[in-house]
N, C-alpha and C. Protein backbone atom coordinates (compact mmCIF):
# COMPACT_ATOMS: atom_id res chain seq x y z
N VAL A 1 0.12 -0.76 0.40
CA VAL A 1 -0.30 -0.42 -0.30
C VAL A 1 1.35 1.62 -0.09
N ASP A 2 0.23 1.76 -1.09
CA ASP A 2 1.55 3.76 -1.16
C ASP A 2 1.10 4.67 -0.24
N THR A 3 -0.60 4.31 0.39
CA THR A 3 -0.19 5.52 0.93
C THR A 3 -0.85 4.94 2.30
N PRO A 4 0.33 4.60 2.87
CA PRO A 4 -0.10 4.42 4.68
C PRO A 4 -0.26 5.03 6.29
N ASP A 5 -1.19 6.76 5.18
CA ASP A 5 -1.01 7.08 6.78
C ASP A 5 -2.54 7.53 6.00
N THR A 6 -3.66 7.24 5.59
CA THR A 6 -4.81 6.55 5.06
C THR A 6 -5.85 6.68 6.51
N PRO A 7 -6.13 7.90 7.22
CA PRO A 7 -6.86 7.76 8.12
C PRO A 7 -8.37 6.92 7.81
N PRO A 8 -8.62 6.43 8.52
CA PRO A 8 -9.90 5.55 8.96
C PRO A 8 -10.93 6.25 8.60
N GLU A 9 -11.20 7.72 8.84
CA GLU A 9 -12.36 8.58 8.86
C GLU A 9 -12.67 8.70 6.81
N ALA A 10 -11.20 8.67 6.56
CA ALA A 10 -11.49 8.85 4.77
C ALA A 10 -12.35 7.24 5.00
N VAL A 11 -11.69 6.09 5.29
CA VAL A 11 -12.31 5.04 4.62
C VAL A 11 -13.85 5.05 5.52
N ALA A 12 -14.03 5.96 6.19
CA ALA A 12 -15.62 5.65 6.91
C ALA A 12 -16.16 6.04 5.97
N ARG A 13 -15.83 7.61 5.06
CA ARG A 13 -16.32 7.68 4.34
C ARG A 13 -17.02 7.49 3.00
N VAL A 14 -15.57 7.17 3.15
CA VAL A 14 -15.89 5.88 1.43
C VAL A 14 -16.92 5.40 1.36
N ILE A 15 -17.00 4.04 2.63
CA ILE A 15 -17.59 3.04 3.02
C ILE A 15 -19.71 3.90 2.43
N ALA A 16 -19.45 5.18 3.43
CA ALA A 16 -20.79 5.95 3.79
C ALA A 16 -21.73 6.29 1.62
N ALA A 17 -20.54 6.72 1.62
CA ALA A 17 -20.72 6.75 0.07
C ALA A 17 -21.41 6.22 -1.03
N ALA A 18 -21.37 4.56 -0.30
CA ALA A 18 -21.78 3.46 -0.98
C ALA A 18 -22.34 3.01 -0.66
N LEU A 19 -22.85 3.27 0.40
CA LEU A 19 -24.25 2.13 1.16
C LEU A 19 -25.33 2.34 0.83
N ASP A 20 -26.00 2.72 -0.63
CA ASP A 20 -27.19 3.63 -0.88
C ASP A 20 -27.37 1.51 -2.33
N ALA A 21 -26.16 2.04 -2.78
CA ALA A 21 -25.93 1.15 -3.79
C ALA A 21 -24.69 -0.27 -3.71
N PRO A 22 -24.46 -0.42 -2.97
CA PRO A 22 -23.29 -1.24 -2.69
C PRO A 22 -22.32 -1.87 -4.17
N ARG A 23 -23.36 -3.12 -4.57
CA ARG A 23 -23.13 -4.09 -5.96
C ARG A 23 -22.50 -2.89 -6.88
N ALA A 24 -23.23 -1.20 -6.83
CA ALA A 24 -23.17 -0.99 -8.46
C ALA A 24 -22.46 0.73 -8.07
N ALA A 25 -21.84 0.65 -6.73
CA ALA A 25 -20.90 1.49 -6.59
C ALA A 25 -20.00 1.26 -7.18
N LEU A 26 -19.23 3.04 -7.50
CA LEU A 26 -17.62 3.52 -7.78
C LEU A 26 -17.47 4.93 -7.18
N VAL A 27 -16.60 4.34 -5.67
CA VAL A 27 -16.08 5.85 -4.83
C VAL A 27 -14.80 5.93 -5.04
N GLN A 28 -14.18 7.16 -5.07
CA GLN A 28 -13.40 7.72 -4.58
C GLN A 28 -13.02 9.37 -3.72
N ALA A 29 -12.13 8.67 -3.48
CA ALA A 29 -11.58 10.06 -2.36
C ALA A 29 -10.71 11.01 -2.61
N THR A 30 -10.92 12.05 -2.55
CA THR A 30 -10.23 13.16 -3.32
C THR A 30 -9.69 14.03 -2.32
N TYR A 31 -8.80 14.55 -2.29
CA TYR A 31 -8.23 15.06 -2.48
C TYR A 31 -7.61 17.25 -2.51
N ALA A 32 -9.00 17.63 -1.99
CA ALA A 32 -8.80 19.37 -3.20
C ALA A 32 -8.86 18.81 -4.23
N GLY A 33 -9.56 17.83 -4.46
CA GLY A 33 -9.76 18.13 -5.61
C GLY A 33 -9.23 17.21 -6.73
N ARG A 34 -8.17 15.69 -5.69
CA ARG A 34 -7.02 15.22 -6.60
C ARG A 34 -7.59 14.08 -5.98
N PRO A 35 -7.66 12.65 -7.52
CA PRO A 35 -8.35 11.87 -6.35
C PRO A 35 -7.37 11.24 -6.23
N GLY A 36 -7.55 10.20 -5.27
CA GLY A 36 -6.37 9.50 -4.21
C GLY A 36 -7.10 8.27 -4.33
N HIS A 37 -6.77 8.30 -2.74
CA HIS A 37 -7.17 6.48 -2.14
C HIS A 37 -7.97 7.42 -0.66
N PRO A 38 -9.04 6.28 0.02
CA PRO A 38 -9.56 5.30 -0.87
C PRO A 38 -10.06 5.08 -1.49
N VAL A 39 -10.84 3.88 -2.70
CA VAL A 39 -11.57 3.67 -3.59
C VAL A 39 -11.90 2.80 -3.66
N LEU A 40 -13.48 2.78 -3.46
CA LEU A 40 -14.95 1.71 -3.30
C LEU A 40 -14.70 0.96 -5.31
N LEU A 41 -14.71 0.38 -4.64
CA LEU A 41 -14.98 -0.19 -6.33
C LEU A 41 -15.88 -1.52 -6.29
N GLY A 42 -17.76 -1.37 -6.09
CA GLY A 42 -18.97 -2.28 -5.90
C GLY A 42 -19.10 -3.41 -7.22
N ALA A 43 -19.22 -4.62 -6.64
CA ALA A 43 -18.93 -5.58 -7.21
C ALA A 43 -19.09 -5.89 -8.32
N ASP A 44 -19.85 -5.23 -8.91
CA ASP A 44 -20.32 -4.88 -10.28
C ASP A 44 -19.14 -4.42 -11.60
N HIS A 45 -18.30 -3.49 -10.50
CA HIS A 45 -17.24 -3.10 -11.49
C HIS A 45 -16.02 -4.21 -11.49
N LEU A 46 -15.80 -5.48 -10.16
CA LEU A 46 -14.93 -5.95 -10.62
C LEU A 46 -14.44 -6.64 -11.67
N ASP A 47 -14.66 -7.03 -12.41
CA ASP A 47 -14.23 -8.00 -13.50
C ASP A 47 -13.50 -6.94 -14.63
N ALA A 48 -14.61 -6.04 -15.01
CA ALA A 48 -14.42 -4.74 -15.46
C ALA A 48 -12.54 -4.15 -15.56
N VAL A 49 -13.39 -3.86 -14.15
CA VAL A 49 -11.83 -3.17 -14.01
C VAL A 49 -10.49 -4.15 -14.07
N ALA A 50 -10.99 -5.18 -13.11
CA ALA A 50 -9.68 -6.64 -13.37
C ALA A 50 -9.38 -6.75 -14.70
N ALA A 51 -9.74 -6.10 -15.84
CA ALA A 51 -9.13 -6.31 -17.34
C ALA A 51 -8.58 -4.81 -17.33
N SER A 52 -9.02 -4.00 -16.66
CA SER A 52 -8.47 -2.66 -17.31
C SER A 52 -7.05 -1.91 -16.85
N VAL A 53 -6.80 -3.35 -15.61
CA VAL A 53 -5.68 -2.75 -14.66
C VAL A 53 -4.46 -3.15 -16.22
N SER A 54 -3.27 -2.20 -15.04
CA SER A 54 -2.05 -3.05 -15.92
C SER A 54 -1.06 -1.72 -14.48
N GLY A 55 0.44 -2.83 -13.86
CA GLY A 55 1.44 -1.87 -13.80
C GLY A 55 0.93 -1.19 -12.24
N ASP A 56 0.94 0.23 -12.35
CA ASP A 56 1.25 1.03 -11.54
C ASP A 56 -0.08 1.45 -11.83
N ARG A 57 -0.88 1.87 -13.16
CA ARG A 57 -1.32 2.87 -13.71
C ARG A 57 -2.43 2.89 -12.44
N GLY A 58 -2.96 1.80 -12.64
CA GLY A 58 -4.67 1.09 -12.01
C GLY A 58 -5.58 1.12 -11.81
N ALA A 59 -6.87 1.25 -11.70
CA ALA A 59 -8.21 2.06 -11.95
C ALA A 59 -8.51 3.50 -11.91
N ARG A 60 -7.50 4.89 -12.24
CA ARG A 60 -7.40 5.84 -12.62
C ARG A 60 -8.04 6.20 -13.94
N PRO A 61 -7.95 5.32 -14.51
CA PRO A 61 -8.84 5.90 -15.91
C PRO A 61 -10.18 4.78 -16.03
N TYR A 62 -10.50 3.93 -14.97
CA TYR A 62 -11.53 3.16 -15.22
C TYR A 62 -12.43 3.94 -14.35
N LEU A 63 -12.17 4.69 -13.19
CA LEU A 63 -12.74 5.74 -12.39
C LEU A 63 -13.41 6.77 -12.91
N ALA A 64 -12.16 7.53 -13.69
CA ALA A 64 -12.35 8.53 -14.79
C ALA A 64 -13.81 8.29 -15.50
N ALA A 65 -13.82 7.34 -16.24
CA ALA A 65 -14.43 7.46 -17.08
C ALA A 65 -15.99 6.91 -16.56
N HIS A 66 -15.81 6.48 -16.17
CA HIS A 66 -17.06 5.81 -15.39
C HIS A 66 -17.46 6.66 -14.25
N ASP A 67 -17.36 8.18 -14.05
CA ASP A 67 -17.71 9.01 -13.59
C ASP A 67 -17.83 8.00 -11.96
N ALA A 68 -16.61 8.22 -11.47
CA ALA A 68 -16.50 7.59 -9.62
C ALA A 68 -16.96 8.99 -9.12
N HIS A 69 -17.88 8.39 -7.98
CA HIS A 69 -18.81 9.52 -7.28
C HIS A 69 -17.48 9.58 -6.17
N GLN A 70 -17.05 11.05 -6.34
CA GLN A 70 -15.70 11.86 -5.24
C GLN A 70 -16.06 12.42 -4.18
N VAL A 71 -15.41 11.62 -3.40
CA VAL A 71 -15.64 12.22 -1.40
C VAL A 71 -14.31 12.98 -1.30
N GLU A 72 -14.82 14.41 -0.81
CA GLU A 72 -13.54 15.24 -0.50
C GLU A 72 -13.22 14.60 0.69
N CYS A 73 -11.89 14.86 0.85
CA CYS A 73 -11.84 14.10 2.66
C CYS A 73 -10.21 15.15 2.53
N ALA A 74 -9.54 16.33 2.00
CA ALA A 74 -8.98 16.52 2.69
C ALA A 74 -8.80 17.58 3.94
N ASP A 75 -9.97 18.05 4.36
CA ASP A 75 -10.38 17.97 5.72
C ASP A 75 -9.49 16.86 6.97
N LEU A 76 -9.14 15.85 5.58
CA LEU A 76 -9.09 14.95 6.16
C LEU A 76 -7.59 14.87 6.82
N TRP A 77 -6.75 14.86 6.20
CA TRP A 77 -5.58 14.01 5.19
C TRP A 77 -5.31 14.61 3.87
N SER A 78 -4.46 14.95 3.78
CA SER A 78 -3.42 15.20 2.93
C SER A 78 -3.03 14.26 1.78
N GLY A 79 -3.51 12.97 1.24
CA GLY A 79 -3.90 12.17 0.15
C GLY A 79 -2.22 12.21 -0.36
N SER A 80 -1.72 11.77 0.27
CA SER A 80 -0.05 11.90 0.29
C SER A 80 0.27 10.46 -0.44
N ASP A 81 0.75 10.02 -1.57
CA ASP A 81 0.70 8.73 -2.37
C ASP A 81 2.80 8.56 -1.66
N VAL A 82 3.11 7.34 -1.74
CA VAL A 82 4.41 8.06 -1.71
C VAL A 82 5.28 7.42 -2.27
N ASP A 83 4.60 6.64 -3.73
CA ASP A 83 4.96 6.83 -4.90
C ASP A 83 5.31 8.35 -6.04
N HIS A 84 4.47 9.25 -5.45
CA HIS A 84 4.44 10.08 -5.74
C HIS A 84 4.63 11.10 -5.23
N ARG A 85 5.58 11.91 -4.74
CA ARG A 85 6.18 13.09 -4.26
C ARG A 85 5.67 14.48 -4.92
């Protein structure tokens, strides 16, 4: 995991945003509008995401193409990714 300092409150916000339709959920935390982690992929998206990911690129293109619901978390944490400085 390249975001070891993710606070549990950010995880809770992302989960809360998915509760209405968990299987169809596609939720991503953002930090001052910048996409980051955590991300929640509902079961309806798992096969398509697995088929689309490669290397360190991950699911970002899929999330963008499918209008992932964004949950602002900048008040909780910077969203720092240790791979990207």
